[in-house]
């Protein structure tokens, strides 16, 4: 079972996880567009570039580990993603 499901579009880049500890999160893209999952492990106030960037095509499932994760539409007009937090360092 997934913890949450959200649309991703050019106007909506949902935060998937945010915490003090690094967590592993499983993310699936239901399509039809392609998403990217961005992750930051350090203080992001100093820079905008993510530490991790993973492309997620329709039907793909990936596990990303970071302190802050956000989904971003890479191509297409929209897509739907679902995610589940697998665990963190606590």
N, C-alpha and C. Protein backbone atom coordinates (compact mmCIF):
# COMPACT_ATOMS: atom_id res chain seq x y z
N UNK A 1 0.84 -1.17 0.00
CA UNK A 1 0.00 0.00 0.00
C UNK A 1 0.89 1.25 0.00
N UNK A 2 0.48 2.26 -0.74
CA UNK A 2 1.23 3.50 -0.86
C UNK A 2 0.81 4.49 0.21
N UNK A 3 1.74 5.30 0.70
CA UNK A 3 1.43 6.32 1.71
C UNK A 3 0.65 7.48 1.11
N UNK A 4 0.99 7.86 -0.13
CA UNK A 4 0.33 9.01 -0.74
C UNK A 4 0.40 8.90 -2.25
N UNK A 5 -0.55 9.57 -2.90
CA UNK A 5 -0.61 9.66 -4.36
C UNK A 5 -0.82 11.13 -4.69
N UNK A 6 -0.12 11.62 -5.72
CA UNK A 6 -0.24 13.04 -6.05
C UNK A 6 -0.04 13.25 -7.55
N UNK A 7 -0.73 14.24 -8.11
CA UNK A 7 -0.42 14.64 -9.48
C UNK A 7 0.88 15.43 -9.51
N UNK A 8 1.54 15.40 -10.65
CA UNK A 8 2.73 16.22 -10.88
C UNK A 8 2.50 16.95 -12.20
N UNK A 9 2.66 18.27 -12.19
CA UNK A 9 2.45 19.05 -13.41
C UNK A 9 3.44 20.21 -13.41
N UNK A 10 3.35 21.04 -14.42
CA UNK A 10 4.25 22.19 -14.47
C UNK A 10 3.96 23.17 -13.34
N UNK A 11 2.76 23.13 -12.78
CA UNK A 11 2.38 24.02 -11.68
C UNK A 11 2.48 23.35 -10.31
N UNK A 12 2.68 22.03 -10.26
CA UNK A 12 2.65 21.32 -8.98
C UNK A 12 3.81 20.32 -8.89
N UNK A 13 4.80 20.62 -8.05
CA UNK A 13 5.95 19.76 -7.79
C UNK A 13 5.88 19.32 -6.33
N UNK A 14 5.18 18.22 -6.05
CA UNK A 14 4.93 17.85 -4.65
C UNK A 14 6.19 17.43 -3.90
N UNK A 15 6.23 17.79 -2.61
CA UNK A 15 7.27 17.29 -1.72
C UNK A 15 6.87 15.89 -1.31
N UNK A 16 7.77 14.94 -1.51
CA UNK A 16 7.52 13.53 -1.20
C UNK A 16 7.93 13.21 0.23
N UNK A 17 9.04 13.78 0.66
CA UNK A 17 9.54 13.53 2.02
C UNK A 17 10.37 14.72 2.46
N UNK A 18 10.27 15.05 3.75
CA UNK A 18 11.12 16.08 4.34
C UNK A 18 11.34 15.69 5.80
N UNK A 19 12.60 15.59 6.21
CA UNK A 19 12.90 15.20 7.58
C UNK A 19 14.32 15.53 7.97
N UNK A 20 14.62 15.40 9.25
CA UNK A 20 15.96 15.65 9.76
C UNK A 20 16.92 14.54 9.37
N UNK A 21 16.41 13.32 9.24
CA UNK A 21 17.22 12.16 8.88
C UNK A 21 16.99 11.79 7.42
N UNK A 22 17.98 11.18 6.82
CA UNK A 22 17.84 10.65 5.47
C UNK A 22 16.88 9.47 5.50
N UNK A 23 15.95 9.43 4.57
CA UNK A 23 14.99 8.33 4.48
C UNK A 23 15.05 7.72 3.09
N UNK A 24 14.68 6.46 3.00
CA UNK A 24 14.53 5.78 1.72
C UNK A 24 13.05 5.76 1.37
N UNK A 25 12.74 6.19 0.16
CA UNK A 25 11.35 6.29 -0.28
C UNK A 25 11.20 5.58 -1.62
N UNK A 26 10.21 4.72 -1.72
CA UNK A 26 9.88 4.05 -2.97
C UNK A 26 8.86 4.91 -3.71
N UNK A 27 9.14 5.23 -4.98
CA UNK A 27 8.27 6.10 -5.78
C UNK A 27 7.93 5.38 -7.07
N UNK A 28 6.64 5.40 -7.46
CA UNK A 28 6.20 4.82 -8.72
C UNK A 28 5.49 5.90 -9.54
N UNK A 29 5.69 5.87 -10.84
CA UNK A 29 5.05 6.81 -11.74
C UNK A 29 3.96 6.08 -12.52
N UNK A 30 2.72 6.51 -12.35
CA UNK A 30 1.59 5.90 -13.07
C UNK A 30 1.41 6.50 -14.46
N UNK A 31 2.14 7.57 -14.79
CA UNK A 31 2.09 8.17 -16.11
C UNK A 31 0.98 9.20 -16.22
N UNK A 32 0.72 9.71 -17.39
CA UNK A 32 1.34 9.36 -18.65
C UNK A 32 2.66 10.08 -18.92
N UNK A 33 2.98 11.14 -18.19
CA UNK A 33 4.22 11.88 -18.42
C UNK A 33 5.39 11.26 -17.68
N UNK A 34 6.56 11.87 -17.87
CA UNK A 34 7.79 11.43 -17.19
C UNK A 34 8.11 12.43 -16.08
N UNK A 35 8.47 11.91 -14.91
CA UNK A 35 8.80 12.75 -13.77
C UNK A 35 10.28 12.59 -13.42
N UNK A 36 10.78 13.52 -12.66
CA UNK A 36 12.09 13.40 -12.03
C UNK A 36 11.88 13.53 -10.54
N UNK A 37 12.61 12.73 -9.78
CA UNK A 37 12.61 12.87 -8.33
C UNK A 37 13.94 13.52 -7.96
N UNK A 38 13.85 14.66 -7.30
CA UNK A 38 15.03 15.39 -6.85
C UNK A 38 15.20 15.16 -5.36
N UNK A 39 16.44 15.02 -4.91
CA UNK A 39 16.71 14.82 -3.49
C UNK A 39 17.87 15.67 -3.03
N UNK A 40 17.75 16.20 -1.82
CA UNK A 40 18.79 17.01 -1.19
C UNK A 40 19.15 16.39 0.16
N UNK A 41 20.44 16.33 0.46
CA UNK A 41 20.90 15.81 1.75
C UNK A 41 21.45 16.89 2.66
N UNK A 42 21.78 18.05 2.10
CA UNK A 42 22.37 19.14 2.86
C UNK A 42 21.37 20.27 3.00
N UNK A 43 21.80 21.35 3.59
CA UNK A 43 20.98 22.54 3.73
C UNK A 43 20.74 23.13 2.34
N UNK A 44 19.50 23.12 1.89
CA UNK A 44 19.23 23.58 0.53
C UNK A 44 19.10 25.09 0.43
N UNK A 45 19.19 25.80 1.54
CA UNK A 45 19.11 27.25 1.47
C UNK A 45 20.34 27.85 0.77
N UNK A 46 21.44 27.09 0.72
CA UNK A 46 22.67 27.58 0.11
C UNK A 46 22.74 27.34 -1.39
N UNK A 47 21.91 26.43 -1.91
CA UNK A 47 21.97 26.13 -3.35
C UNK A 47 20.67 25.49 -3.81
N UNK A 48 20.43 25.56 -5.10
CA UNK A 48 19.20 25.01 -5.65
C UNK A 48 19.39 23.64 -6.29
N UNK A 49 20.61 23.31 -6.72
CA UNK A 49 20.85 22.05 -7.43
C UNK A 49 20.67 20.86 -6.49
N UNK A 50 19.88 19.86 -6.90
CA UNK A 50 19.70 18.68 -6.04
C UNK A 50 20.95 17.81 -6.00
N UNK A 51 21.10 17.06 -4.91
CA UNK A 51 22.18 16.08 -4.79
C UNK A 51 21.88 14.83 -5.61
N UNK A 52 20.59 14.52 -5.78
CA UNK A 52 20.14 13.33 -6.50
C UNK A 52 19.06 13.75 -7.49
N UNK A 53 19.12 13.23 -8.70
CA UNK A 53 18.07 13.45 -9.70
C UNK A 53 17.86 12.15 -10.45
N UNK A 54 16.67 11.57 -10.31
CA UNK A 54 16.36 10.27 -10.92
C UNK A 54 15.16 10.44 -11.85
N UNK A 55 15.31 10.01 -13.10
CA UNK A 55 14.20 10.05 -14.06
C UNK A 55 13.27 8.88 -13.81
N UNK A 56 11.98 9.15 -13.86
CA UNK A 56 10.97 8.15 -13.57
C UNK A 56 9.97 8.13 -14.72
N UNK A 57 10.15 7.18 -15.65
CA UNK A 57 9.24 7.04 -16.78
C UNK A 57 7.96 6.33 -16.33
N UNK A 58 6.89 6.43 -17.13
CA UNK A 58 5.64 5.78 -16.75
C UNK A 58 5.83 4.29 -16.47
N UNK A 59 5.33 3.85 -15.33
CA UNK A 59 5.44 2.45 -14.93
C UNK A 59 6.69 2.12 -14.14
N UNK A 60 7.66 3.04 -14.10
CA UNK A 60 8.90 2.79 -13.35
C UNK A 60 8.69 2.98 -11.85
N UNK A 61 9.48 2.23 -11.09
CA UNK A 61 9.49 2.33 -9.63
C UNK A 61 10.95 2.45 -9.21
N UNK A 62 11.27 3.45 -8.38
CA UNK A 62 12.64 3.65 -7.90
C UNK A 62 12.62 3.87 -6.40
N UNK A 63 13.77 3.64 -5.77
CA UNK A 63 13.96 3.96 -4.36
C UNK A 63 15.00 5.07 -4.30
N UNK A 64 14.65 6.16 -3.63
CA UNK A 64 15.54 7.32 -3.50
C UNK A 64 15.76 7.57 -2.01
N UNK A 65 16.99 7.95 -1.65
CA UNK A 65 17.31 8.27 -0.25
C UNK A 65 17.81 9.70 -0.17
N UNK A 66 17.17 10.50 0.70
CA UNK A 66 17.56 11.89 0.90
C UNK A 66 16.81 12.45 2.11
N UNK A 67 17.19 13.68 2.52
CA UNK A 67 16.49 14.37 3.61
C UNK A 67 15.28 15.16 3.11
N UNK A 68 15.34 15.59 1.85
CA UNK A 68 14.23 16.30 1.23
C UNK A 68 14.09 15.77 -0.18
N UNK A 69 12.87 15.37 -0.56
CA UNK A 69 12.61 14.86 -1.91
C UNK A 69 11.40 15.56 -2.50
N UNK A 70 11.52 15.90 -3.76
CA UNK A 70 10.45 16.59 -4.47
C UNK A 70 10.33 16.00 -5.86
N UNK A 71 9.10 15.86 -6.36
CA UNK A 71 8.86 15.38 -7.72
C UNK A 71 8.73 16.58 -8.65
N UNK A 72 9.18 16.39 -9.88
CA UNK A 72 9.17 17.46 -10.88
C UNK A 72 8.78 16.84 -12.22
N UNK A 73 7.91 17.50 -12.97
CA UNK A 73 7.53 17.00 -14.29
C UNK A 73 8.69 17.20 -15.27
N UNK A 74 9.11 16.11 -15.90
CA UNK A 74 10.23 16.16 -16.84
C UNK A 74 9.74 16.31 -18.28
N UNK A 75 8.71 15.54 -18.65
CA UNK A 75 8.13 15.66 -19.99
C UNK A 75 6.67 15.24 -19.93
N UNK A 76 5.90 15.76 -20.88
CA UNK A 76 4.47 15.52 -20.91
C UNK A 76 3.74 16.65 -20.22
N UNK A 77 2.41 16.53 -20.15
CA UNK A 77 1.62 17.60 -19.53
C UNK A 77 1.35 17.34 -18.05
N UNK A 78 1.37 16.06 -17.63
CA UNK A 78 1.19 15.72 -16.23
C UNK A 78 1.49 14.24 -16.03
N UNK A 79 1.62 13.83 -14.78
CA UNK A 79 1.68 12.42 -14.42
C UNK A 79 1.19 12.27 -12.99
N UNK A 80 1.00 11.04 -12.59
CA UNK A 80 0.59 10.74 -11.22
C UNK A 80 1.67 9.86 -10.59
N UNK A 81 2.06 10.20 -9.37
CA UNK A 81 3.05 9.39 -8.67
C UNK A 81 2.47 8.93 -7.34
N UNK A 82 3.00 7.83 -6.85
CA UNK A 82 2.67 7.33 -5.52
C UNK A 82 3.98 7.01 -4.82
N UNK A 83 3.99 7.14 -3.48
CA UNK A 83 5.22 6.86 -2.75
C UNK A 83 4.93 6.24 -1.40
N UNK A 84 5.97 5.56 -0.91
CA UNK A 84 5.93 4.92 0.40
C UNK A 84 7.29 5.13 1.07
N UNK A 85 7.27 5.66 2.28
CA UNK A 85 8.50 5.83 3.06
C UNK A 85 8.88 4.48 3.63
N UNK A 86 10.07 3.98 3.25
CA UNK A 86 10.51 2.66 3.66
C UNK A 86 11.20 2.68 5.01
N UNK A 87 11.88 3.76 5.35
CA UNK A 87 12.57 3.86 6.63
C UNK A 87 13.54 5.00 6.62
N UNK A 88 14.01 5.35 7.83
CA UNK A 88 15.00 6.42 7.93
C UNK A 88 16.05 6.02 8.93
N UNK A 89 16.97 6.93 9.21
CA UNK A 89 18.11 6.62 10.07
C UNK A 89 17.83 6.60 11.54
N UNK A 90 16.58 6.84 11.96
CA UNK A 90 16.29 6.84 13.39
C UNK A 90 15.91 5.47 13.89
